[in-house]
Amino acid sequence: MKNPFYVYALKDPREKPAKTFYIGKGTGTRAWEHQKEKGDSDKNALINEIHDSGRKVIHTILVENLTEPEALKIEAELIASFGVRSRGGLLVNKVRPNPDNISGKSRINVPDGCYEKAQMGLELLKDAILELARANPTGIRNAEAAKQLGLQSDYGGGARDYLTYSVLGLLMRDGQMARVEKPTRHVVVTR
């Protein structure tokens, strides 16, 4: 059964790239309900400015299928990472997160450029491949990783899954995975 909570970002499309100005957690249509709210909050004023410019707020679901405690934790980590405007940050959130939901050392990297985005994506790919390998203790092949993670290439009619092969190579370089022979497979290195 799917958990109902998610964490979302509201972004200002007038900025290039669109800048996050609000982080929230919710269920159902919560991320879109801000458009209907009345009041004189900084968030409502910013939404009105965006609408007055003829644009629409961008809604991005960042993480879904969460329990409420998981959503609260992720929301708090993101708010702590971006910071609230009243303290020099980017967000117009009024409520600062409960300190119990913040690790003390924020683990969220908010990417700013293409290199940062690539490195953040690489870490997610590494985690996905390690998780897949842990679920298959006899090991995985490159083609299996590419197929099961939806990363297969069909460029020019050829199926060369270089992306997953490169990530497997990085995991081996880092000592997190090893290649075993007969049949050739990649396994997680236990420490």
N, C-alpha and C. Protein backbone atom coordinates (compact mmCIF):
# COMPACT_ATOMS: atom_id res chain seq x y z
N MET A 1 0.84 -1.18 0.00
CA MET A 1 0.00 0.00 0.00
C MET A 1 0.88 1.25 0.00
N LYS A 2 0.52 2.19 -0.81
CA LYS A 2 1.31 3.42 -0.95
C LYS A 2 1.04 4.35 0.22
N ASN A 3 2.11 4.95 0.76
CA ASN A 3 1.97 5.94 1.82
C ASN A 3 1.49 7.25 1.19
N PRO A 4 0.62 8.00 1.90
CA PRO A 4 -0.03 9.16 1.27
C PRO A 4 0.77 10.46 1.26
N PHE A 5 1.84 10.58 2.04
CA PHE A 5 2.51 11.87 2.18
C PHE A 5 3.59 12.08 1.12
N TYR A 6 3.83 13.35 0.83
CA TYR A 6 4.90 13.74 -0.09
C TYR A 6 5.49 15.06 0.38
N VAL A 7 6.66 15.39 -0.15
CA VAL A 7 7.29 16.67 0.11
C VAL A 7 7.39 17.38 -1.24
N TYR A 8 7.07 18.67 -1.25
CA TYR A 8 7.01 19.42 -2.50
C TYR A 8 7.72 20.75 -2.39
N ALA A 9 8.01 21.32 -3.55
CA ALA A 9 8.62 22.65 -3.63
C ALA A 9 7.75 23.52 -4.53
N LEU A 10 7.61 24.78 -4.15
CA LEU A 10 7.00 25.78 -5.01
C LEU A 10 8.14 26.62 -5.56
N LYS A 11 8.11 26.86 -6.89
CA LYS A 11 9.22 27.56 -7.53
C LYS A 11 8.73 28.77 -8.31
N ASP A 12 9.58 29.77 -8.36
CA ASP A 12 9.29 31.01 -9.08
C ASP A 12 9.80 30.88 -10.51
N PRO A 13 8.89 30.84 -11.51
CA PRO A 13 9.31 30.66 -12.90
C PRO A 13 9.95 31.90 -13.51
N ARG A 14 9.91 33.02 -12.81
CA ARG A 14 10.52 34.25 -13.34
C ARG A 14 12.03 34.21 -13.22
N GLU A 15 12.55 33.30 -12.42
CA GLU A 15 13.99 33.13 -12.25
C GLU A 15 14.48 32.07 -13.22
N LYS A 16 15.71 32.18 -13.67
CA LYS A 16 16.32 31.18 -14.54
C LYS A 16 17.58 30.66 -13.90
N PRO A 17 17.64 29.42 -13.44
CA PRO A 17 16.55 28.45 -13.38
C PRO A 17 15.54 28.86 -12.32
N ALA A 18 14.35 28.26 -12.40
CA ALA A 18 13.30 28.57 -11.44
C ALA A 18 13.81 28.31 -10.03
N LYS A 19 13.59 29.28 -9.14
CA LYS A 19 14.11 29.18 -7.77
C LYS A 19 13.02 28.72 -6.81
N THR A 20 13.38 27.78 -5.96
CA THR A 20 12.47 27.32 -4.92
C THR A 20 12.26 28.44 -3.92
N PHE A 21 10.98 28.69 -3.57
CA PHE A 21 10.71 29.69 -2.55
C PHE A 21 9.91 29.14 -1.38
N TYR A 22 9.43 27.90 -1.50
CA TYR A 22 8.64 27.31 -0.42
C TYR A 22 8.79 25.79 -0.47
N ILE A 23 8.96 25.17 0.70
CA ILE A 23 9.00 23.71 0.83
C ILE A 23 7.86 23.32 1.77
N GLY A 24 7.14 22.27 1.41
CA GLY A 24 6.06 21.80 2.27
C GLY A 24 5.89 20.30 2.19
N LYS A 25 5.06 19.79 3.06
CA LYS A 25 4.68 18.38 3.03
C LYS A 25 3.17 18.33 2.99
N GLY A 26 2.66 17.29 2.39
CA GLY A 26 1.21 17.20 2.30
C GLY A 26 0.74 15.89 1.73
N THR A 27 -0.56 15.83 1.53
CA THR A 27 -1.22 14.70 0.88
C THR A 27 -2.18 15.27 -0.15
N GLY A 28 -2.62 14.43 -1.05
CA GLY A 28 -3.62 14.86 -2.02
C GLY A 28 -3.17 16.05 -2.84
N THR A 29 -3.97 17.11 -2.83
CA THR A 29 -3.70 18.29 -3.65
C THR A 29 -3.06 19.43 -2.85
N ARG A 30 -2.51 19.15 -1.71
CA ARG A 30 -1.97 20.20 -0.84
C ARG A 30 -1.01 21.14 -1.56
N ALA A 31 -0.13 20.62 -2.39
CA ALA A 31 0.87 21.46 -3.06
C ALA A 31 0.22 22.53 -3.93
N TRP A 32 -0.99 22.29 -4.41
CA TRP A 32 -1.66 23.23 -5.32
C TRP A 32 -2.66 24.14 -4.59
N GLU A 33 -2.93 23.86 -3.32
CA GLU A 33 -3.91 24.65 -2.57
C GLU A 33 -3.42 26.04 -2.20
N HIS A 34 -2.13 26.26 -2.24
CA HIS A 34 -1.59 27.58 -1.89
C HIS A 34 -2.12 28.67 -2.83
N GLN A 35 -2.46 28.29 -4.05
CA GLN A 35 -2.96 29.26 -5.03
C GLN A 35 -4.25 29.92 -4.57
N LYS A 36 -5.04 29.20 -3.76
CA LYS A 36 -6.36 29.68 -3.33
C LYS A 36 -6.33 30.41 -2.00
N GLU A 37 -5.21 30.34 -1.30
CA GLU A 37 -5.14 30.93 0.04
C GLU A 37 -5.18 32.45 -0.02
N LYS A 38 -5.82 33.02 0.96
CA LYS A 38 -5.87 34.49 1.11
C LYS A 38 -5.02 34.86 2.31
N GLY A 39 -4.59 36.07 2.35
CA GLY A 39 -3.80 36.53 3.49
C GLY A 39 -2.63 37.36 3.02
N ASP A 40 -1.92 37.90 4.00
CA ASP A 40 -0.82 38.80 3.66
C ASP A 40 0.55 38.20 3.98
N SER A 41 0.65 36.88 3.88
CA SER A 41 1.95 36.25 4.15
C SER A 41 2.90 36.53 2.99
N ASP A 42 4.19 36.38 3.25
CA ASP A 42 5.20 36.54 2.19
C ASP A 42 4.95 35.55 1.06
N LYS A 43 4.53 34.33 1.42
CA LYS A 43 4.26 33.30 0.41
C LYS A 43 3.13 33.74 -0.50
N ASN A 44 2.02 34.20 0.08
CA ASN A 44 0.88 34.64 -0.73
C ASN A 44 1.24 35.85 -1.59
N ALA A 45 2.02 36.77 -1.04
CA ALA A 45 2.44 37.95 -1.80
C ALA A 45 3.29 37.52 -3.01
N LEU A 46 4.18 36.59 -2.81
CA LEU A 46 5.03 36.12 -3.90
C LEU A 46 4.21 35.38 -4.95
N ILE A 47 3.27 34.55 -4.54
CA ILE A 47 2.40 33.85 -5.48
C ILE A 47 1.60 34.86 -6.30
N ASN A 48 1.09 35.90 -5.64
CA ASN A 48 0.33 36.95 -6.35
C ASN A 48 1.22 37.68 -7.36
N GLU A 49 2.47 37.97 -6.98
CA GLU A 49 3.41 38.63 -7.91
C GLU A 49 3.64 37.76 -9.15
N ILE A 50 3.80 36.47 -8.92
CA ILE A 50 4.02 35.54 -10.04
C ILE A 50 2.80 35.55 -10.96
N HIS A 51 1.60 35.46 -10.38
CA HIS A 51 0.37 35.47 -11.18
C HIS A 51 0.20 36.81 -11.91
N ASP A 52 0.51 37.91 -11.23
CA ASP A 52 0.38 39.24 -11.84
C ASP A 52 1.33 39.40 -13.03
N SER A 53 2.43 38.65 -13.04
CA SER A 53 3.37 38.73 -14.16
C SER A 53 2.93 37.85 -15.33
N GLY A 54 1.78 37.18 -15.16
CA GLY A 54 1.27 36.32 -16.22
C GLY A 54 1.85 34.91 -16.20
N ARG A 55 2.56 34.57 -15.14
CA ARG A 55 3.18 33.24 -15.02
C ARG A 55 2.43 32.41 -13.99
N LYS A 56 2.78 31.15 -13.91
CA LYS A 56 2.21 30.23 -12.93
C LYS A 56 3.32 29.66 -12.06
N VAL A 57 2.99 29.46 -10.81
CA VAL A 57 3.93 28.84 -9.87
C VAL A 57 4.23 27.42 -10.36
N ILE A 58 5.49 27.02 -10.28
CA ILE A 58 5.87 25.65 -10.62
C ILE A 58 5.78 24.81 -9.36
N HIS A 59 5.08 23.69 -9.46
CA HIS A 59 4.93 22.75 -8.35
C HIS A 59 5.77 21.52 -8.66
N THR A 60 6.66 21.16 -7.76
CA THR A 60 7.51 19.99 -7.96
C THR A 60 7.37 19.06 -6.75
N ILE A 61 6.94 17.83 -7.02
CA ILE A 61 6.90 16.82 -5.96
C ILE A 61 8.32 16.27 -5.87
N LEU A 62 8.96 16.47 -4.73
CA LEU A 62 10.35 16.08 -4.55
C LEU A 62 10.49 14.62 -4.14
N VAL A 63 9.65 14.19 -3.20
CA VAL A 63 9.67 12.82 -2.71
C VAL A 63 8.24 12.43 -2.38
N GLU A 64 7.83 11.22 -2.78
CA GLU A 64 6.49 10.78 -2.47
C GLU A 64 6.51 9.40 -1.83
N ASN A 65 5.33 8.87 -1.53
CA ASN A 65 5.19 7.56 -0.90
C ASN A 65 5.85 7.55 0.48
N LEU A 66 5.55 8.59 1.27
CA LEU A 66 6.15 8.75 2.59
C LEU A 66 5.11 8.61 3.69
N THR A 67 5.57 8.18 4.87
CA THR A 67 4.73 8.28 6.07
C THR A 67 4.83 9.73 6.55
N GLU A 68 3.97 10.14 7.45
CA GLU A 68 4.04 11.52 7.93
C GLU A 68 5.36 11.81 8.64
N PRO A 69 5.86 10.93 9.51
CA PRO A 69 7.17 11.21 10.14
C PRO A 69 8.30 11.34 9.11
N GLU A 70 8.29 10.51 8.07
CA GLU A 70 9.32 10.62 7.03
C GLU A 70 9.21 11.96 6.31
N ALA A 71 7.97 12.36 5.99
CA ALA A 71 7.75 13.63 5.29
C ALA A 71 8.20 14.80 6.16
N LEU A 72 7.90 14.76 7.44
CA LEU A 72 8.32 15.84 8.35
C LEU A 72 9.84 15.93 8.41
N LYS A 73 10.51 14.80 8.44
CA LYS A 73 11.98 14.77 8.51
C LYS A 73 12.59 15.38 7.24
N ILE A 74 12.11 14.95 6.08
CA ILE A 74 12.66 15.45 4.82
C ILE A 74 12.34 16.93 4.65
N GLU A 75 11.12 17.33 4.98
CA GLU A 75 10.75 18.74 4.89
C GLU A 75 11.67 19.58 5.77
N ALA A 76 11.91 19.11 7.00
CA ALA A 76 12.77 19.86 7.93
C ALA A 76 14.20 19.96 7.41
N GLU A 77 14.74 18.86 6.86
CA GLU A 77 16.10 18.88 6.32
C GLU A 77 16.20 19.87 5.16
N LEU A 78 15.20 19.88 4.28
CA LEU A 78 15.23 20.80 3.14
C LEU A 78 15.10 22.25 3.58
N ILE A 79 14.21 22.52 4.50
CA ILE A 79 14.06 23.90 4.98
C ILE A 79 15.36 24.37 5.64
N ALA A 80 15.97 23.48 6.41
CA ALA A 80 17.24 23.83 7.05
C ALA A 80 18.33 24.07 6.00
N SER A 81 18.30 23.31 4.91
CA SER A 81 19.31 23.47 3.86
C SER A 81 19.14 24.77 3.09
N PHE A 82 17.91 25.05 2.66
CA PHE A 82 17.64 26.27 1.90
C PHE A 82 17.66 27.51 2.79
N GLY A 83 17.19 27.36 4.02
CA GLY A 83 17.10 28.48 4.95
C GLY A 83 15.88 29.34 4.68
N VAL A 84 15.40 30.00 5.73
CA VAL A 84 14.23 30.88 5.59
C VAL A 84 14.73 32.32 5.39
N ARG A 85 13.96 33.10 4.64
CA ARG A 85 14.37 34.46 4.29
C ARG A 85 14.59 35.34 5.52
N SER A 86 13.79 35.11 6.55
CA SER A 86 13.95 35.93 7.75
C SER A 86 15.32 35.75 8.40
N ARG A 87 16.04 34.72 7.98
CA ARG A 87 17.38 34.46 8.50
C ARG A 87 18.42 34.40 7.38
N GLY A 88 18.09 35.02 6.23
CA GLY A 88 19.04 35.10 5.13
C GLY A 88 18.98 33.97 4.12
N GLY A 89 17.99 33.09 4.22
CA GLY A 89 17.87 31.97 3.29
C GLY A 89 16.99 32.29 2.09
N LEU A 90 16.55 31.27 1.39
CA LEU A 90 15.77 31.43 0.17
C LEU A 90 14.25 31.31 0.36
N LEU A 91 13.82 30.63 1.41
CA LEU A 91 12.41 30.25 1.54
C LEU A 91 11.57 31.27 2.30
N VAL A 92 10.29 31.36 1.89
CA VAL A 92 9.35 32.23 2.59
C VAL A 92 8.56 31.46 3.64
N ASN A 93 8.94 30.23 3.92
CA ASN A 93 8.26 29.46 4.96
C ASN A 93 8.24 30.26 6.25
N LYS A 94 7.09 30.29 6.91
CA LYS A 94 6.98 30.98 8.20
C LYS A 94 7.50 30.12 9.33
N VAL A 95 7.13 28.85 9.27
CA VAL A 95 7.45 27.94 10.35
C VAL A 95 8.82 27.33 10.11
N ARG A 96 9.70 27.53 11.06
CA ARG A 96 11.00 26.88 10.99
C ARG A 96 10.83 25.46 11.49
N PRO A 97 11.61 24.52 10.96
CA PRO A 97 11.41 23.11 11.32
C PRO A 97 11.74 22.81 12.77
N ASN A 98 11.07 21.78 13.27
CA ASN A 98 11.33 21.27 14.60
C ASN A 98 12.77 20.76 14.65
N PRO A 99 13.59 21.24 15.58
CA PRO A 99 14.99 20.80 15.65
C PRO A 99 15.15 19.29 15.79
N ASP A 100 14.12 18.61 16.34
CA ASP A 100 14.20 17.15 16.48
C ASP A 100 14.20 16.45 15.12
N ASN A 101 13.72 17.15 14.08
CA ASN A 101 13.67 16.56 12.74
C ASN A 101 14.89 16.91 11.89
N ILE A 102 15.84 17.63 12.47
CA ILE A 102 17.03 18.03 11.72
C ILE A 102 18.23 17.28 12.28
N SER A 103 19.05 16.75 11.40
CA SER A 103 20.17 15.93 11.81
C SER A 103 21.28 16.74 12.49
N GLY A 104 21.24 18.05 12.40
CA GLY A 104 22.31 18.87 12.95
C GLY A 104 23.35 19.16 11.89
N LYS A 105 23.59 18.24 11.03
CA LYS A 105 24.49 18.43 9.89
C LYS A 105 23.67 18.08 8.66
N SER A 106 23.19 19.08 7.98
CA SER A 106 22.30 18.85 6.85
C SER A 106 22.98 17.99 5.80
N ARG A 107 22.27 16.96 5.35
CA ARG A 107 22.80 16.05 4.35
C ARG A 107 22.25 16.37 2.97
N ILE A 108 21.44 17.37 2.84
CA ILE A 108 20.83 17.71 1.57
C ILE A 108 21.75 18.67 0.83
N ASN A 109 22.07 18.33 -0.41
CA ASN A 109 22.87 19.21 -1.26
C ASN A 109 21.92 19.87 -2.24
N VAL A 110 21.82 21.17 -2.21
CA VAL A 110 20.97 21.89 -3.15
C VAL A 110 21.84 22.29 -4.33
N PRO A 111 21.70 21.57 -5.47
CA PRO A 111 22.59 21.84 -6.59
C PRO A 111 22.34 23.19 -7.23
N ASP A 112 23.44 23.83 -7.63
CA ASP A 112 23.36 25.16 -8.21
C ASP A 112 23.78 25.17 -9.67
N GLY A 113 24.65 24.28 -10.08
CA GLY A 113 25.15 24.26 -11.44
C GLY A 113 25.14 22.87 -12.03
N CYS A 114 25.57 22.75 -13.27
CA CYS A 114 25.50 21.45 -13.95
C CYS A 114 26.40 20.41 -13.28
N TYR A 115 27.60 20.79 -12.83
CA TYR A 115 28.47 19.83 -12.17
C TYR A 115 27.84 19.31 -10.88
N GLU A 116 27.28 20.23 -10.07
CA GLU A 116 26.66 19.84 -8.81
C GLU A 116 25.48 18.92 -9.06
N LYS A 117 24.66 19.23 -10.06
CA LYS A 117 23.51 18.38 -10.38
C LYS A 117 23.98 17.00 -10.82
N ALA A 118 25.03 16.95 -11.64
CA ALA A 118 25.55 15.66 -12.11
C ALA A 118 26.07 14.83 -10.93
N GLN A 119 26.77 15.47 -10.00
CA GLN A 119 27.31 14.73 -8.86
C GLN A 119 26.20 14.24 -7.94
N MET A 120 25.16 15.05 -7.77
CA MET A 120 24.03 14.63 -6.95
C MET A 120 23.32 13.45 -7.61
N GLY A 121 23.13 13.52 -8.93
CA GLY A 121 22.52 12.43 -9.67
C GLY A 121 23.37 11.17 -9.62
N LEU A 122 24.68 11.33 -9.70
CA LEU A 122 25.59 10.19 -9.63
C LEU A 122 25.45 9.47 -8.29
N GLU A 123 25.36 10.23 -7.21
CA GLU A 123 25.21 9.61 -5.89
C GLU A 123 23.90 8.82 -5.81
N LEU A 124 22.84 9.35 -6.40
CA LEU A 124 21.57 8.62 -6.42
C LEU A 124 21.68 7.35 -7.26
N LEU A 125 22.36 7.42 -8.40
CA LEU A 125 22.56 6.22 -9.22
C LEU A 125 23.38 5.17 -8.49
N LYS A 126 24.44 5.60 -7.81
CA LYS A 126 25.25 4.66 -7.04
C LYS A 126 24.40 3.96 -5.98
N ASP A 127 23.60 4.75 -5.26
CA ASP A 127 22.74 4.17 -4.23
C ASP A 127 21.76 3.16 -4.83
N ALA A 128 21.19 3.49 -6.00
CA ALA A 128 20.23 2.59 -6.64
C ALA A 128 20.90 1.29 -7.06
N ILE A 129 22.09 1.36 -7.63
CA ILE A 129 22.80 0.16 -8.06
C ILE A 129 23.21 -0.69 -6.86
N LEU A 130 23.69 -0.04 -5.78
CA LEU A 130 24.04 -0.80 -4.57
C LEU A 130 22.81 -1.49 -3.98
N GLU A 131 21.68 -0.79 -3.97
CA GLU A 131 20.45 -1.39 -3.45
C GLU A 131 20.05 -2.60 -4.29
N LEU A 132 20.14 -2.47 -5.61
CA LEU A 132 19.83 -3.58 -6.50
C LEU A 132 20.78 -4.75 -6.27
N ALA A 133 22.05 -4.46 -6.10
CA ALA A 133 23.03 -5.52 -5.87
C ALA A 133 22.80 -6.21 -4.53
N ARG A 134 22.44 -5.45 -3.51
CA ARG A 134 22.15 -6.05 -2.20
C ARG A 134 20.95 -6.99 -2.27
N ALA A 135 20.00 -6.65 -3.12
CA ALA A 135 18.80 -7.48 -3.29
C ALA A 135 19.10 -8.74 -4.10
N ASN A 136 20.26 -8.78 -4.75
CA ASN A 136 20.68 -9.94 -5.56
C ASN A 136 22.05 -10.39 -5.08
N PRO A 137 22.11 -11.17 -3.98
CA PRO A 137 23.39 -11.52 -3.37
C PRO A 137 24.35 -12.29 -4.28
N THR A 138 23.83 -12.94 -5.34
CA THR A 138 24.73 -13.63 -6.26
C THR A 138 25.38 -12.67 -7.24
N GLY A 139 24.97 -11.41 -7.20
CA GLY A 139 25.56 -10.38 -8.04
C GLY A 139 24.64 -9.97 -9.18
N ILE A 140 25.05 -8.90 -9.86
CA ILE A 140 24.30 -8.38 -11.00
C ILE A 140 25.24 -8.16 -12.16
N ARG A 141 24.69 -8.22 -13.36
CA ARG A 141 25.45 -7.88 -14.56
C ARG A 141 25.08 -6.45 -14.95
N ASN A 142 25.93 -5.82 -15.71
CA ASN A 142 25.67 -4.46 -16.18
C ASN A 142 24.32 -4.38 -16.89
N ALA A 143 24.07 -5.32 -17.79
CA ALA A 143 22.81 -5.30 -18.56
C ALA A 143 21.60 -5.41 -17.65
N GLU A 144 21.72 -6.21 -16.60
CA GLU A 144 20.61 -6.35 -15.65
C GLU A 144 20.37 -5.04 -14.90
N ALA A 145 21.46 -4.41 -14.48
CA ALA A 145 21.32 -3.13 -13.78
C ALA A 145 20.66 -2.10 -14.68
N ALA A 146 21.12 -2.00 -15.91
CA ALA A 146 20.54 -1.03 -16.85
C ALA A 146 19.06 -1.31 -17.08
N LYS A 147 18.71 -2.57 -17.26
CA LYS A 147 17.31 -2.92 -17.53
C LYS A 147 16.42 -2.69 -16.31
N GLN A 148 16.84 -3.19 -15.16
CA GLN A 148 15.99 -3.10 -13.97
C GLN A 148 15.85 -1.67 -13.46
N LEU A 149 16.81 -0.81 -13.75
CA LEU A 149 16.73 0.58 -13.32
C LEU A 149 16.20 1.51 -14.42
N GLY A 150 15.82 0.94 -15.56
CA GLY A 150 15.27 1.74 -16.65
C GLY A 150 16.29 2.66 -17.29
N LEU A 151 17.56 2.21 -17.36
CA LEU A 151 18.63 3.04 -17.90
C LEU A 151 19.23 2.49 -19.18
N GLN A 152 18.49 1.59 -19.85
CA GLN A 152 19.00 1.01 -21.08
C GLN A 152 19.10 2.04 -22.19
N SER A 153 20.11 1.90 -23.00
CA SER A 153 20.32 2.80 -24.13
C SER A 153 19.83 2.13 -25.39
N ASP A 154 19.26 2.91 -26.28
CA ASP A 154 18.91 2.40 -27.61
C ASP A 154 19.39 3.38 -28.67
N TYR A 155 20.40 4.13 -28.34
CA TYR A 155 20.93 5.15 -29.23
C TYR A 155 21.41 4.53 -30.53
N GLY A 156 20.92 5.03 -31.62
CA GLY A 156 21.35 4.58 -32.94
C GLY A 156 21.11 3.10 -33.19
N GLY A 157 20.15 2.51 -32.49
CA GLY A 157 19.86 1.09 -32.68
C GLY A 157 20.78 0.17 -31.91
N GLY A 158 21.82 0.72 -31.31
CA GLY A 158 22.74 -0.10 -30.54
C GLY A 158 22.42 -0.02 -29.07
N ALA A 159 22.57 -1.12 -28.37
CA ALA A 159 22.27 -1.14 -26.95
C ALA A 159 23.58 -1.16 -26.16
N ARG A 160 24.15 -0.01 -25.92
CA ARG A 160 25.40 0.11 -25.17
C ARG A 160 25.07 0.82 -23.86
N ASP A 161 25.08 0.06 -22.79
CA ASP A 161 24.68 0.61 -21.50
C ASP A 161 25.89 1.15 -20.75
N TYR A 162 26.47 2.19 -21.31
CA TYR A 162 27.68 2.76 -20.75
C TYR A 162 27.45 3.45 -19.41
N LEU A 163 26.28 4.01 -19.21
CA LEU A 163 26.02 4.74 -17.96
C LEU A 163 26.16 3.81 -16.77
N THR A 164 25.43 2.69 -16.77
CA THR A 164 25.51 1.79 -15.63
C THR A 164 26.89 1.15 -15.54
N TYR A 165 27.52 0.90 -16.68
CA TYR A 165 28.87 0.33 -16.67
C TYR A 165 29.84 1.30 -16.00
N SER A 166 29.71 2.58 -16.31
CA SER A 166 30.56 3.60 -15.68
C SER A 166 30.32 3.68 -14.18
N VAL A 167 29.05 3.63 -13.76
CA VAL A 167 28.74 3.72 -12.33
C VAL A 167 29.26 2.49 -11.61
N LEU A 168 29.11 1.30 -12.23
CA LEU A 168 29.68 0.09 -11.62
C LEU A 168 31.20 0.24 -11.45
N GLY A 169 31.85 0.81 -12.46
CA GLY A 169 33.29 1.04 -12.37
C GLY A 169 33.66 1.98 -11.23
N LEU A 170 32.88 3.03 -11.05
CA LEU A 170 33.14 3.96 -9.94
C LEU A 170 32.94 3.28 -8.59
N LEU A 171 31.91 2.43 -8.49
CA LEU A 171 31.67 1.71 -7.24
C LEU A 171 32.80 0.72 -6.95
N MET A 172 33.36 0.10 -7.99
CA MET A 172 34.51 -0.80 -7.80
C MET A 172 35.73 0.01 -7.38
N ARG A 173 35.94 1.15 -8.01
CA ARG A 173 37.08 2.01 -7.65
C ARG A 173 37.00 2.44 -6.19
N ASP A 174 35.75 2.71 -5.73
CA ASP A 174 35.54 3.14 -4.34
C ASP A 174 35.57 1.98 -3.36
N GLY A 175 35.70 0.74 -3.86
CA GLY A 175 35.75 -0.43 -2.98
C GLY A 175 34.39 -0.86 -2.47
N GLN A 176 33.31 -0.36 -3.07
CA GLN A 176 31.98 -0.73 -2.62
C GLN A 176 31.44 -1.96 -3.34
N MET A 177 31.98 -2.24 -4.52
CA MET A 177 31.57 -3.41 -5.29
C MET A 177 32.82 -4.07 -5.85
N ALA A 178 32.67 -5.36 -6.19
CA ALA A 178 33.78 -6.11 -6.80
C ALA A 178 33.22 -6.97 -7.93
N ARG A 179 34.09 -7.28 -8.88
CA ARG A 179 33.70 -8.15 -9.99
C ARG A 179 34.13 -9.57 -9.64
N VAL A 180 33.22 -10.51 -9.83
CA VAL A 180 33.55 -11.93 -9.66
C VAL A 180 33.40 -12.59 -11.03
N GLU A 181 34.19 -13.62 -11.25
CA GLU A 181 34.18 -14.30 -12.55
C GLU A 181 33.39 -15.60 -12.49
N LYS A 182 33.01 -16.05 -13.66
CA LYS A 182 32.37 -17.35 -13.90
C LYS A 182 31.11 -17.55 -13.10
N PRO A 183 30.01 -17.03 -13.48
CA PRO A 183 29.85 -16.03 -14.53
C PRO A 183 30.22 -14.65 -14.00
N THR A 184 30.59 -13.77 -14.91
CA THR A 184 31.00 -12.42 -14.53
C THR A 184 29.80 -11.68 -13.96
N ARG A 185 29.96 -11.22 -12.71
CA ARG A 185 28.91 -10.50 -12.01
C ARG A 185 29.58 -9.45 -11.13
N HIS A 186 28.78 -8.51 -10.64
CA HIS A 186 29.27 -7.50 -9.71
C HIS A 186 28.54 -7.70 -8.39
N VAL A 187 29.28 -7.74 -7.29
CA VAL A 187 28.70 -7.96 -5.98
C VAL A 187 29.10 -6.84 -5.03
N VAL A 188 28.28 -6.64 -4.02
CA VAL A 188 28.56 -5.63 -2.99
C VAL A 188 29.67 -6.16 -2.10
N VAL A 189 30.62 -5.31 -1.80
CA VAL A 189 31.71 -5.67 -0.87
C VAL A 189 31.20 -5.41 0.53
N THR A 190 31.21 -6.44 1.36
CA THR A 190 30.78 -6.27 2.74
C THR A 190 31.97 -5.87 3.58
N ARG A 191 31.70 -4.97 4.50
CA ARG A 191 32.80 -4.45 5.33
C ARG A 191 32.59 -4.84 6.75
